[in-house]
């Protein structure tokens, strides 16, 4: 479904207002429901997700990596090169995110960072993606070597 840009921006604005409305009121507000439905109709499946295997080692240097966990977890361990923006602060700190390159946000499993990415995408940050399965999945799949491992196992580059 192709919508004109002004309709998308209006929908994003109205959907953003939903966060300011109490849940019971948002449920009964047809403008908010319509705006969120419009966004959901327009969003492509998987457009906000990325798996570690999809990013070749050399491309990680081009990615703006955000650890969306709290500062204590970040201090104990994080993906090298990541900055720390707690998922609850993602909207307030959105000006720190570049718009000219991919932003990959992660938490432990992907669930909290997914909430932050959803809010950021509603606000027009189409370049922000959730690292599927979070840091735990990234480590289990080989970290920066996940793409090479997946390619070796399949005989072709991951994500193709």
C-alpha atoms as a PDB file:
ATOM      1  CA  UNK A   1       0.000   0.000   0.000  1.00  0.00           C
ATOM      2  CA  UNK A   2       1.650   3.215  -1.152  1.00  0.00           C
ATOM      3  CA  UNK A   3       0.757   6.272   0.854  1.00  0.00           C
ATOM      4  CA  UNK A   4       1.855   9.816   0.079  1.00  0.00           C
ATOM      5  CA  UNK A   5       4.696  11.060   2.255  1.00  0.00           C
ATOM      6  CA  UNK A   6       2.508  13.684   3.957  1.00  0.00           C
ATOM      7  CA  UNK A   7       0.084  10.929   5.022  1.00  0.00           C
ATOM      8  CA  UNK A   8       2.909   8.875   6.475  1.00  0.00           C
ATOM      9  CA  UNK A   9       4.274  11.872   8.372  1.00  0.00           C
ATOM     10  CA  UNK A  10       0.790  12.734   9.647  1.00  0.00           C
ATOM     11  CA  UNK A  11       0.330   9.125  10.731  1.00  0.00           C
ATOM     12  CA  UNK A  12       3.672   9.133  12.522  1.00  0.00           C
ATOM     13  CA  UNK A  13       2.777  12.377  14.284  1.00  0.00           C
ATOM     14  CA  UNK A  14      -0.589  11.049  15.376  1.00  0.00           C
ATOM     15  CA  UNK A  15       0.838   7.684  16.400  1.00  0.00           C
ATOM     16  CA  UNK A  16       3.516   9.448  18.418  1.00  0.00           C
ATOM     17  CA  UNK A  17       0.761  11.237  20.292  1.00  0.00           C
ATOM     18  CA  UNK A  18      -0.485   7.823  21.390  1.00  0.00           C
ATOM     19  CA  UNK A  19       2.454   7.611  23.776  1.00  0.00           C
ATOM     20  CA  UNK A  20       1.133  10.710  25.529  1.00  0.00           C
ATOM     21  CA  UNK A  21      -2.378   9.369  25.920  1.00  0.00           C
ATOM     22  CA  UNK A  22      -3.332   6.948  28.680  1.00  0.00           C
ATOM     23  CA  UNK A  23      -3.721   3.404  27.288  1.00  0.00           C
ATOM     24  CA  UNK A  24      -7.471   3.308  27.975  1.00  0.00           C
ATOM     25  CA  UNK A  25      -7.959   6.584  26.102  1.00  0.00           C
ATOM     26  CA  UNK A  26      -5.731   5.551  23.182  1.00  0.00           C
ATOM     27  CA  UNK A  27      -7.754   2.351  22.809  1.00  0.00           C
ATOM     28  CA  UNK A  28     -10.910   4.380  22.204  1.00  0.00           C
ATOM     29  CA  UNK A  29      -9.320   7.154  20.135  1.00  0.00           C
ATOM     30  CA  UNK A  30     -10.033   6.392  16.473  1.00  0.00           C
ATOM     31  CA  UNK A  31      -7.412   8.878  15.257  1.00  0.00           C
ATOM     32  CA  UNK A  32      -4.645   7.124  17.197  1.00  0.00           C
ATOM     33  CA  UNK A  33      -5.895   3.667  16.222  1.00  0.00           C
ATOM     34  CA  UNK A  34      -6.065   4.703  12.558  1.00  0.00           C
ATOM     35  CA  UNK A  35      -2.561   6.202  12.643  1.00  0.00           C
ATOM     36  CA  UNK A  36      -1.070   3.078  14.223  1.00  0.00           C
ATOM     37  CA  UNK A  37      -2.987   0.834  11.824  1.00  0.00           C
ATOM     38  CA  UNK A  38      -1.714   2.899   8.906  1.00  0.00           C
ATOM     39  CA  UNK A  39       1.845   2.514  10.100  1.00  0.00           C
ATOM     40  CA  UNK A  40       1.420  -1.225  10.586  1.00  0.00           C
ATOM     41  CA  UNK A  41      -0.115  -1.587   7.102  1.00  0.00           C
ATOM     42  CA  UNK A  42       2.774   0.334   5.572  1.00  0.00           C
ATOM     43  CA  UNK A  43       5.625  -1.364   7.503  1.00  0.00           C
ATOM     44  CA  UNK A  44       7.309  -4.220   5.684  1.00  0.00           C
ATOM     45  CA  UNK A  45       7.856  -7.480   7.532  1.00  0.00           C
ATOM     46  CA  UNK A  46      11.432  -7.706   8.686  1.00  0.00           C
ATOM     47  CA  UNK A  47      12.309  -4.147   7.673  1.00  0.00           C
ATOM     48  CA  UNK A  48      13.345  -3.307  11.200  1.00  0.00           C
ATOM     49  CA  UNK A  49      15.171  -6.587  11.904  1.00  0.00           C
ATOM     50  CA  UNK A  50      18.703  -7.672  11.125  1.00  0.00           C
ATOM     51  CA  UNK A  51      20.497 -10.865  12.043  1.00  0.00           C
ATOM     52  CA  UNK A  52      24.219 -10.986  12.914  1.00  0.00           C
ATOM     53  CA  UNK A  53      24.798 -13.250   9.912  1.00  0.00           C
ATOM     54  CA  UNK A  54      23.605 -10.499   7.569  1.00  0.00           C
ATOM     55  CA  UNK A  55      26.455  -8.141   8.438  1.00  0.00           C
ATOM     56  CA  UNK A  56      29.897  -9.021   7.047  1.00  0.00           C
ATOM     57  CA  UNK A  57      32.748  -8.347   9.468  1.00  0.00           C
ATOM     58  CA  UNK A  58      34.062  -5.380   7.452  1.00  0.00           C
ATOM     59  CA  UNK A  59      30.597  -3.762   7.382  1.00  0.00           C
ATOM     60  CA  UNK A  60      30.327  -3.621  11.176  1.00  0.00           C
ATOM     61  CA  UNK A  61      32.691  -0.610  11.021  1.00  0.00           C
ATOM     62  CA  UNK A  62      30.030   1.267   9.026  1.00  0.00           C
ATOM     63  CA  UNK A  63      27.198   0.427  11.445  1.00  0.00           C
ATOM     64  CA  UNK A  64      26.267   2.734  14.330  1.00  0.00           C
ATOM     65  CA  UNK A  65      25.782   0.221  17.156  1.00  0.00           C
ATOM     66  CA  UNK A  66      23.587   1.052  20.156  1.00  0.00           C
ATOM     67  CA  UNK A  67      23.493  -1.075  23.296  1.00  0.00           C
ATOM     68  CA  UNK A  68      20.007  -0.426  24.680  1.00  0.00           C
ATOM     69  CA  UNK A  69      20.636  -2.130  28.021  1.00  0.00           C
ATOM     70  CA  UNK A  70      21.272  -0.262  31.263  1.00  0.00           C
ATOM     71  CA  UNK A  71      24.670   1.248  32.033  1.00  0.00           C
ATOM     72  CA  UNK A  72      25.676  -1.559  34.427  1.00  0.00           C
ATOM     73  CA  UNK A  73      25.130  -4.264  31.797  1.00  0.00           C
ATOM     74  CA  UNK A  74      26.917  -2.154  29.195  1.00  0.00           C
ATOM     75  CA  UNK A  75      29.906  -1.708  31.545  1.00  0.00           C
ATOM     76  CA  UNK A  76      30.171  -5.482  32.091  1.00  0.00           C
ATOM     77  CA  UNK A  77      30.042  -6.407  28.412  1.00  0.00           C
ATOM     78  CA  UNK A  78      29.037  -4.905  25.072  1.00  0.00           C
ATOM     79  CA  UNK A  79      29.657  -5.267  21.377  1.00  0.00           C
ATOM     80  CA  UNK A  80      32.912  -3.437  20.602  1.00  0.00           C
ATOM     81  CA  UNK A  81      32.214  -0.006  19.132  1.00  0.00           C
ATOM     82  CA  UNK A  82      28.734   0.259  20.660  1.00  0.00           C
ATOM     83  CA  UNK A  83      27.472   3.304  22.508  1.00  0.00           C
ATOM     84  CA  UNK A  84      25.041   2.983  25.401  1.00  0.00           C
ATOM     85  CA  UNK A  85      21.557   4.473  25.156  1.00  0.00           C
ATOM     86  CA  UNK A  86      19.126   2.806  27.551  1.00  0.00           C
ATOM     87  CA  UNK A  87      16.055   1.669  25.576  1.00  0.00           C
ATOM     88  CA  UNK A  88      13.840   3.933  27.692  1.00  0.00           C
ATOM     89  CA  UNK A  89      15.919   6.945  26.597  1.00  0.00           C
ATOM     90  CA  UNK A  90      15.989   6.160  22.871  1.00  0.00           C
ATOM     91  CA  UNK A  91      13.298   8.679  21.942  1.00  0.00           C
ATOM     92  CA  UNK A  92      14.742  11.432  24.135  1.00  0.00           C
ATOM     93  CA  UNK A  93      18.244  10.838  22.729  1.00  0.00           C
ATOM     94  CA  UNK A  94      17.247  10.243  19.101  1.00  0.00           C
ATOM     95  CA  UNK A  95      19.212  13.300  17.939  1.00  0.00           C
ATOM     96  CA  UNK A  96      22.394  11.318  18.737  1.00  0.00           C
ATOM     97  CA  UNK A  97      21.543   8.737  16.076  1.00  0.00           C
ATOM     98  CA  UNK A  98      22.877   9.304  12.574  1.00  0.00           C
ATOM     99  CA  UNK A  99      20.358   9.299   9.750  1.00  0.00           C
ATOM    100  CA  UNK A 100      22.903   8.642   7.004  1.00  0.00           C
ATOM    101  CA  UNK A 101      23.908   5.090   7.967  1.00  0.00           C
ATOM    102  CA  UNK A 102      22.457   1.969   9.498  1.00  0.00           C
ATOM    103  CA  UNK A 103      21.802   2.038  13.234  1.00  0.00           C
ATOM    104  CA  UNK A 104      21.650  -1.389  14.906  1.00  0.00           C
ATOM    105  CA  UNK A 105      20.176  -1.474  18.389  1.00  0.00           C
ATOM    106  CA  UNK A 106      20.393  -4.461  20.720  1.00  0.00           C
ATOM    107  CA  UNK A 107      19.663  -5.580  24.261  1.00  0.00           C
ATOM    108  CA  UNK A 108      20.081  -9.057  25.771  1.00  0.00           C
ATOM    109  CA  UNK A 109      17.524 -10.845  23.605  1.00  0.00           C
ATOM    110  CA  UNK A 110      16.053  -8.189  21.302  1.00  0.00           C
ATOM    111  CA  UNK A 111      12.739  -7.559  23.071  1.00  0.00           C
ATOM    112  CA  UNK A 112      13.502  -4.233  24.790  1.00  0.00           C
ATOM    113  CA  UNK A 113      15.503  -2.857  21.885  1.00  0.00           C
ATOM    114  CA  UNK A 114      12.558  -3.783  19.621  1.00  0.00           C
ATOM    115  CA  UNK A 115      10.329  -1.439  21.621  1.00  0.00           C
ATOM    116  CA  UNK A 116      12.825   1.384  21.228  1.00  0.00           C
ATOM    117  CA  UNK A 117      13.230   0.703  17.509  1.00  0.00           C
ATOM    118  CA  UNK A 118       9.455   0.666  17.014  1.00  0.00           C
ATOM    119  CA  UNK A 119       9.155   4.096  18.650  1.00  0.00           C
ATOM    120  CA  UNK A 120      12.093   5.477  16.639  1.00  0.00           C
ATOM    121  CA  UNK A 121      10.661   4.147  13.384  1.00  0.00           C
ATOM    122  CA  UNK A 122       7.311   5.746  14.183  1.00  0.00           C
ATOM    123  CA  UNK A 123       9.255   8.997  14.501  1.00  0.00           C
ATOM    124  CA  UNK A 124      10.782   8.560  11.056  1.00  0.00           C
ATOM    125  CA  UNK A 125      14.096   6.816  11.779  1.00  0.00           C
ATOM    126  CA  UNK A 126      13.819   4.237   8.989  1.00  0.00           C
ATOM    127  CA  UNK A 127      17.516   3.332   9.217  1.00  0.00           C
ATOM    128  CA  UNK A 128      17.217   1.855  12.738  1.00  0.00           C
ATOM    129  CA  UNK A 129      17.120  -1.926  13.101  1.00  0.00           C
ATOM    130  CA  UNK A 130      16.880  -4.447  15.937  1.00  0.00           C
ATOM    131  CA  UNK A 131      19.697  -6.967  16.219  1.00  0.00           C
ATOM    132  CA  UNK A 132      17.630 -10.149  16.257  1.00  0.00           C
ATOM    133  CA  UNK A 133      18.309 -12.225  19.405  1.00  0.00           C
ATOM    134  CA  UNK A 134      20.359  -9.393  20.966  1.00  0.00           C
ATOM    135  CA  UNK A 135      23.886  -9.682  22.285  1.00  0.00           C
ATOM    136  CA  UNK A 136      23.275 -13.269  23.374  1.00  0.00           C
ATOM    137  CA  UNK A 137      22.400 -14.310  19.820  1.00  0.00           C
ATOM    138  CA  UNK A 138      25.298 -12.242  18.449  1.00  0.00           C
ATOM    139  CA  UNK A 139      27.735 -14.117  20.707  1.00  0.00           C
ATOM    140  CA  UNK A 140      26.176 -17.531  20.018  1.00  0.00           C
ATOM    141  CA  UNK A 141      26.415 -16.988  16.251  1.00  0.00           C
ATOM    142  CA  UNK A 142      30.052 -15.907  16.362  1.00  0.00           C
ATOM    143  CA  UNK A 143      29.957 -12.147  16.910  1.00  0.00           C
ATOM    144  CA  UNK A 144      31.673 -10.277  14.091  1.00  0.00           C
ATOM    145  CA  UNK A 145      32.351 -13.652  12.434  1.00  0.00           C
ATOM    146  CA  UNK A 146      28.644 -14.635  12.228  1.00  0.00           C
ATOM    147  CA  UNK A 147      28.433 -13.774   8.527  1.00  0.00           C
ATOM    148  CA  UNK A 148      31.573 -15.758   7.662  1.00  0.00           C
ATOM    149  CA  UNK A 149      30.350 -18.740   9.688  1.00  0.00           C
ATOM    150  CA  UNK A 150      26.936 -18.677   8.026  1.00  0.00           C
ATOM    151  CA  UNK A 151      28.524 -18.317   4.590  1.00  0.00           C
ATOM    152  CA  UNK A 152      30.864 -21.260   5.228  1.00  0.00           C
ATOM    153  CA  UNK A 153      27.950 -23.416   6.369  1.00  0.00           C
ATOM    154  CA  UNK A 154      25.718 -22.585   3.410  1.00  0.00           C
ATOM    155  CA  UNK A 155      28.260 -22.127   0.669  1.00  0.00           C
ATOM    156  CA  UNK A 156      27.012 -18.604  -0.103  1.00  0.00           C
ATOM    157  CA  UNK A 157      27.016 -15.232   1.710  1.00  0.00           C
ATOM    158  CA  UNK A 158      24.439 -14.923   4.499  1.00  0.00           C
ATOM    159  CA  UNK A 159      21.363 -12.879   3.740  1.00  0.00           C
ATOM    160  CA  UNK A 160      21.403 -13.808   0.028  1.00  0.00           C
END
